[in-house]
PDB file of N, CA and C in Angstrom:
ATOM      1  N   UNK A   1       6.253  -8.617 -17.340  1.00  0.00           N
ATOM      2  CA  UNK A   1       5.559  -7.522 -16.698  1.00  0.00           C
ATOM      3  C   UNK A   1       6.481  -6.320 -16.677  1.00  0.00           C
ATOM      4  N   UNK A   2       5.962  -5.203 -17.129  1.00  0.00           N
ATOM      5  CA  UNK A   2       6.796  -4.004 -17.156  1.00  0.00           C
ATOM      6  C   UNK A   2       6.786  -3.323 -15.790  1.00  0.00           C
ATOM      7  N   UNK A   3       7.883  -2.687 -15.415  1.00  0.00           N
ATOM      8  CA  UNK A   3       7.914  -1.993 -14.128  1.00  0.00           C
ATOM      9  C   UNK A   3       7.029  -0.751 -14.157  1.00  0.00           C
ATOM     10  N   UNK A   4       6.445  -0.422 -13.014  1.00  0.00           N
ATOM     11  CA  UNK A   4       5.605   0.772 -12.920  1.00  0.00           C
ATOM     12  C   UNK A   4       6.482   2.022 -12.957  1.00  0.00           C
ATOM     13  N   UNK A   5       5.961   3.072 -13.580  1.00  0.00           N
ATOM     14  CA  UNK A   5       6.657   4.353 -13.570  1.00  0.00           C
ATOM     15  C   UNK A   5       5.731   5.409 -12.991  1.00  0.00           C
ATOM     16  N   UNK A   6       6.180   6.642 -12.906  1.00  0.00           N
ATOM     17  CA  UNK A   6       5.383   7.703 -12.303  1.00  0.00           C
ATOM     18  C   UNK A   6       4.092   7.993 -13.057  1.00  0.00           C
ATOM     19  N   UNK A   7       4.028   7.671 -14.333  1.00  0.00           N
ATOM     20  CA  UNK A   7       2.840   7.937 -15.131  1.00  0.00           C
ATOM     21  C   UNK A   7       1.920   6.720 -15.241  1.00  0.00           C
ATOM     22  N   UNK A   8       2.275   5.643 -14.581  1.00  0.00           N
ATOM     23  CA  UNK A   8       1.516   4.419 -14.664  1.00  0.00           C
ATOM     24  C   UNK A   8       0.227   4.501 -13.846  1.00  0.00           C
ATOM     25  N   UNK A   9      -0.833   3.854 -14.324  1.00  0.00           N
ATOM     26  CA  UNK A   9      -2.089   3.790 -13.580  1.00  0.00           C
ATOM     27  C   UNK A   9      -1.948   2.874 -12.369  1.00  0.00           C
ATOM     28  N   UNK A  10      -0.864   2.091 -12.307  1.00  0.00           N
ATOM     29  CA  UNK A  10      -0.637   1.167 -11.204  1.00  0.00           C
ATOM     30  C   UNK A  10       0.029   1.832 -10.010  1.00  0.00           C
ATOM     31  N   UNK A  11       0.388   3.098 -10.139  1.00  0.00           N
ATOM     32  CA  UNK A  11       1.108   3.798  -9.072  1.00  0.00           C
ATOM     33  C   UNK A  11       0.266   4.965  -8.576  1.00  0.00           C
ATOM     34  N   UNK A  12       0.128   5.045  -7.267  1.00  0.00           N
ATOM     35  CA  UNK A  12      -0.540   6.189  -6.647  1.00  0.00           C
ATOM     36  C   UNK A  12       0.452   6.830  -5.699  1.00  0.00           C
ATOM     37  N   UNK A  13       0.790   8.057  -5.951  1.00  0.00           N
ATOM     38  CA  UNK A  13       1.728   8.768  -5.095  1.00  0.00           C
ATOM     39  C   UNK A  13       0.965   9.476  -3.985  1.00  0.00           C
ATOM     40  N   UNK A  14       1.423   9.291  -2.765  1.00  0.00           N
ATOM     41  CA  UNK A  14       0.793   9.930  -1.616  1.00  0.00           C
ATOM     42  C   UNK A  14       1.768  10.862  -0.926  1.00  0.00           C
ATOM     43  N   UNK A  15       1.249  11.964  -0.423  1.00  0.00           N
ATOM     44  CA  UNK A  15       2.051  12.841   0.415  1.00  0.00           C
ATOM     45  C   UNK A  15       2.270  12.114   1.745  1.00  0.00           C
ATOM     46  N   UNK A  16       3.330  12.453   2.486  1.00  0.00           N
ATOM     47  CA  UNK A  16       3.596  11.746   3.744  1.00  0.00           C
ATOM     48  C   UNK A  16       2.395  11.719   4.694  1.00  0.00           C
ATOM     49  N   UNK A  17       1.674  12.824   4.831  1.00  0.00           N
ATOM     50  CA  UNK A  17       0.525  12.829   5.746  1.00  0.00           C
ATOM     51  C   UNK A  17      -0.586  11.915   5.230  1.00  0.00           C
ATOM     52  N   UNK A  18      -0.779  11.858   3.909  1.00  0.00           N
ATOM     53  CA  UNK A  18      -1.787  10.972   3.327  1.00  0.00           C
ATOM     54  C   UNK A  18      -1.367   9.516   3.476  1.00  0.00           C
ATOM     55  N   UNK A  19      -0.086   9.253   3.292  1.00  0.00           N
ATOM     56  CA  UNK A  19       0.454   7.902   3.428  1.00  0.00           C
ATOM     57  C   UNK A  19       0.170   7.371   4.827  1.00  0.00           C
ATOM     58  N   UNK A  20       0.439   8.184   5.831  1.00  0.00           N
ATOM     59  CA  UNK A  20       0.219   7.775   7.219  1.00  0.00           C
ATOM     60  C   UNK A  20      -1.266   7.502   7.468  1.00  0.00           C
ATOM     61  N   UNK A  21      -2.130   8.401   7.038  1.00  0.00           N
ATOM     62  CA  UNK A  21      -3.576   8.234   7.254  1.00  0.00           C
ATOM     63  C   UNK A  21      -4.094   6.987   6.535  1.00  0.00           C
ATOM     64  N   UNK A  22      -3.646   6.756   5.319  1.00  0.00           N
ATOM     65  CA  UNK A  22      -4.081   5.600   4.536  1.00  0.00           C
ATOM     66  C   UNK A  22      -3.763   4.300   5.259  1.00  0.00           C
ATOM     67  N   UNK A  23      -2.525   4.165   5.734  1.00  0.00           N
ATOM     68  CA  UNK A  23      -2.139   2.917   6.371  1.00  0.00           C
ATOM     69  C   UNK A  23      -2.718   2.771   7.778  1.00  0.00           C
ATOM     70  N   UNK A  24      -3.004   3.873   8.448  1.00  0.00           N
ATOM     71  CA  UNK A  24      -3.672   3.786   9.746  1.00  0.00           C
ATOM     72  C   UNK A  24      -5.084   3.227   9.584  1.00  0.00           C
ATOM     73  N   UNK A  25      -5.788   3.646   8.540  1.00  0.00           N
ATOM     74  CA  UNK A  25      -7.133   3.128   8.299  1.00  0.00           C
ATOM     75  C   UNK A  25      -7.093   1.652   7.916  1.00  0.00           C
ATOM     76  N   UNK A  26      -6.073   1.241   7.165  1.00  0.00           N
ATOM     77  CA  UNK A  26      -5.952  -0.175   6.833  1.00  0.00           C
ATOM     78  C   UNK A  26      -5.721  -1.005   8.090  1.00  0.00           C
ATOM     79  N   UNK A  27      -4.928  -0.484   9.021  1.00  0.00           N
ATOM     80  CA  UNK A  27      -4.645  -1.207  10.258  1.00  0.00           C
ATOM     81  C   UNK A  27      -5.845  -1.246  11.193  1.00  0.00           C
ATOM     82  N   UNK A  28      -6.656  -0.190  11.209  1.00  0.00           N
ATOM     83  CA  UNK A  28      -7.816  -0.102  12.105  1.00  0.00           C
ATOM     84  C   UNK A  28      -9.008   0.458  11.329  1.00  0.00           C
ATOM     85  N   UNK A  29      -9.654  -0.386  10.533  1.00  0.00           N
ATOM     86  CA  UNK A  29     -10.771   0.119   9.730  1.00  0.00           C
ATOM     87  C   UNK A  29     -11.939   0.542  10.608  1.00  0.00           C
ATOM     88  N   UNK A  30     -12.689   1.550  10.182  1.00  0.00           N
ATOM     89  CA  UNK A  30     -13.854   1.977  10.952  1.00  0.00           C
ATOM     90  C   UNK A  30     -14.958   0.923  10.881  1.00  0.00           C
ATOM     91  N   UNK A  31     -15.864   0.960  11.832  1.00  0.00           N
ATOM     92  CA  UNK A  31     -17.022   0.068  11.807  1.00  0.00           C
ATOM     93  C   UNK A  31     -17.924   0.451  10.649  1.00  0.00           C
ATOM     94  N   UNK A  32     -18.620  -0.531  10.079  1.00  0.00           N
ATOM     95  CA  UNK A  32     -19.522  -0.207   8.978  1.00  0.00           C
ATOM     96  C   UNK A  32     -20.673   0.672   9.457  1.00  0.00           C
ATOM     97  N   UNK A  33     -21.081   1.594   8.613  1.00  0.00           N
ATOM     98  CA  UNK A  33     -22.210   2.473   8.926  1.00  0.00           C
ATOM     99  C   UNK A  33     -23.514   1.718   8.670  1.00  0.00           C
ATOM    100  N   UNK A  34     -24.609   2.263   9.164  1.00  0.00           N
ATOM    101  CA  UNK A  34     -25.908   1.636   8.922  1.00  0.00           C
ATOM    102  C   UNK A  34     -26.232   1.643   7.428  1.00  0.00           C
ATOM    103  N   UNK A  35     -25.823   2.678   6.712  1.00  0.00           N
ATOM    104  CA  UNK A  35     -26.058   2.736   5.266  1.00  0.00           C
ATOM    105  C   UNK A  35     -25.331   1.588   4.554  1.00  0.00           C
ATOM    106  N   UNK A  36     -24.117   1.285   4.972  1.00  0.00           N
ATOM    107  CA  UNK A  36     -23.379   0.180   4.359  1.00  0.00           C
ATOM    108  C   UNK A  36     -24.029  -1.153   4.699  1.00  0.00           C
ATOM    109  N   UNK A  37     -24.442  -1.308   5.953  1.00  0.00           N
ATOM    110  CA  UNK A  37     -25.134  -2.547   6.350  1.00  0.00           C
ATOM    111  C   UNK A  37     -26.416  -2.739   5.532  1.00  0.00           C
ATOM    112  N   UNK A  38     -27.163  -1.647   5.332  1.00  0.00           N
ATOM    113  CA  UNK A  38     -28.398  -1.725   4.557  1.00  0.00           C
ATOM    114  C   UNK A  38     -28.101  -2.113   3.103  1.00  0.00           C
ATOM    115  N   UNK A  39     -27.044  -1.578   2.547  1.00  0.00           N
ATOM    116  CA  UNK A  39     -26.663  -1.915   1.173  1.00  0.00           C
ATOM    117  C   UNK A  39     -26.327  -3.396   1.053  1.00  0.00           C
ATOM    118  N   UNK A  40     -25.631  -3.944   2.025  1.00  0.00           N
ATOM    119  CA  UNK A  40     -25.305  -5.376   2.008  1.00  0.00           C
ATOM    120  C   UNK A  40     -26.567  -6.214   2.148  1.00  0.00           C
ATOM    121  N   UNK A  41     -27.510  -5.776   3.008  1.00  0.00           N
ATOM    122  CA  UNK A  41     -28.772  -6.511   3.151  1.00  0.00           C
ATOM    123  C   UNK A  41     -29.542  -6.521   1.833  1.00  0.00           C
ATOM    124  N   UNK A  42     -29.616  -5.354   1.170  1.00  0.00           N
ATOM    125  CA  UNK A  42     -30.328  -5.293  -0.114  1.00  0.00           C
ATOM    126  C   UNK A  42     -29.685  -6.221  -1.134  1.00  0.00           C
ATOM    127  N   UNK A  43     -28.369  -6.216  -1.191  1.00  0.00           N
ATOM    128  CA  UNK A  43     -27.661  -7.072  -2.148  1.00  0.00           C
ATOM    129  C   UNK A  43     -27.910  -8.540  -1.841  1.00  0.00           C
ATOM    130  N   UNK A  44     -27.857  -8.883  -0.560  1.00  0.00           N
ATOM    131  CA  UNK A  44     -28.087 -10.276  -0.155  1.00  0.00           C
ATOM    132  C   UNK A  44     -29.510 -10.702  -0.506  1.00  0.00           C
ATOM    133  N   UNK A  45     -30.499  -9.831  -0.218  1.00  0.00           N
ATOM    134  CA  UNK A  45     -31.894 -10.151  -0.534  1.00  0.00           C
ATOM    135  C   UNK A  45     -32.098 -10.292  -2.035  1.00  0.00           C
ATOM    136  N   UNK A  46     -31.522  -9.389  -2.808  1.00  0.00           N
ATOM    137  CA  UNK A  46     -31.654  -9.446  -4.264  1.00  0.00           C
ATOM    138  C   UNK A  46     -31.016 -10.728  -4.799  1.00  0.00           C
ATOM    139  N   UNK A  47     -29.852 -11.081  -4.288  1.00  0.00           N
ATOM    140  CA  UNK A  47     -29.167 -12.297  -4.728  1.00  0.00           C
ATOM    141  C   UNK A  47     -29.982 -13.528  -4.381  1.00  0.00           C
ATOM    142  N   UNK A  48     -30.594 -13.515  -3.199  1.00  0.00           N
ATOM    143  CA  UNK A  48     -31.404 -14.655  -2.776  1.00  0.00           C
ATOM    144  C   UNK A  48     -32.631 -14.796  -3.666  1.00  0.00           C
ATOM    145  N   UNK A  49     -33.311 -13.667  -3.969  1.00  0.00           N
ATOM    146  CA  UNK A  49     -34.503 -13.716  -4.811  1.00  0.00           C
ATOM    147  C   UNK A  49     -34.179 -14.182  -6.227  1.00  0.00           C
ATOM    148  N   UNK A  50     -33.022 -13.809  -6.724  1.00  0.00           N
ATOM    149  CA  UNK A  50     -32.638 -14.174  -8.093  1.00  0.00           C
ATOM    150  C   UNK A  50     -31.875 -15.484  -8.137  1.00  0.00           C
ATOM    151  N   UNK A  51     -31.740 -16.137  -6.978  1.00  0.00           N
ATOM    152  CA  UNK A  51     -31.007 -17.404  -6.865  1.00  0.00           C
ATOM    153  C   UNK A  51     -29.563 -17.295  -7.326  1.00  0.00           C
ATOM    154  N   UNK A  52     -28.980 -16.090  -7.274  1.00  0.00           N
ATOM    155  CA  UNK A  52     -27.585 -15.946  -7.674  1.00  0.00           C
ATOM    156  C   UNK A  52     -26.648 -16.446  -6.593  1.00  0.00           C
ATOM    157  N   UNK A  53     -27.210 -16.718  -5.404  1.00  0.00           N
ATOM    158  CA  UNK A  53     -26.368 -17.238  -4.328  1.00  0.00           C
ATOM    159  C   UNK A  53     -26.129 -18.732  -4.504  1.00  0.00           C
ATOM    160  N   UNK A  54     -26.913 -19.380  -5.377  1.00  0.00           N
ATOM    161  CA  UNK A  54     -26.736 -20.804  -5.604  1.00  0.00           C
ATOM    162  C   UNK A  54     -25.631 -21.040  -6.638  1.00  0.00           C
ATOM    163  N   UNK A  55     -24.847 -22.087  -6.458  1.00  0.00           N
ATOM    164  CA  UNK A  55     -23.838 -22.394  -7.482  1.00  0.00           C
ATOM    165  C   UNK A  55     -24.524 -22.812  -8.777  1.00  0.00           C
ATOM    166  N   UNK A  56     -23.909 -22.476  -9.899  1.00  0.00           N
ATOM    167  CA  UNK A  56     -24.442 -22.855 -11.209  1.00  0.00           C
ATOM    168  C   UNK A  56     -24.292 -24.361 -11.393  1.00  0.00           C
ATOM    169  N   UNK A  57     -25.366 -25.011 -11.821  1.00  0.00           N
ATOM    170  CA  UNK A  57     -25.333 -26.452 -12.059  1.00  0.00           C
ATOM    171  C   UNK A  57     -25.327 -26.693 -13.562  1.00  0.00           C
ATOM    172  N   UNK A  58     -24.367 -27.459 -14.036  1.00  0.00           N
ATOM    173  CA  UNK A  58     -24.286 -27.761 -15.482  1.00  0.00           C
ATOM    174  C   UNK A  58     -24.909 -29.090 -15.775  1.00  0.00           C
TER     175      UNK A  58
END
């Protein structure tokens, strides 16, 4: 594995204020919005209708 450099897609440089905000959100994520809850419900319903929630049987 090669080490990441400044031009690597594996590295994201943050300014100090952005760094602080990023890690604060990771420590205390916001509650999901109703739009996000609705999106999860739609995905769950679609998966259930298409039987994608069932394990594949060989």
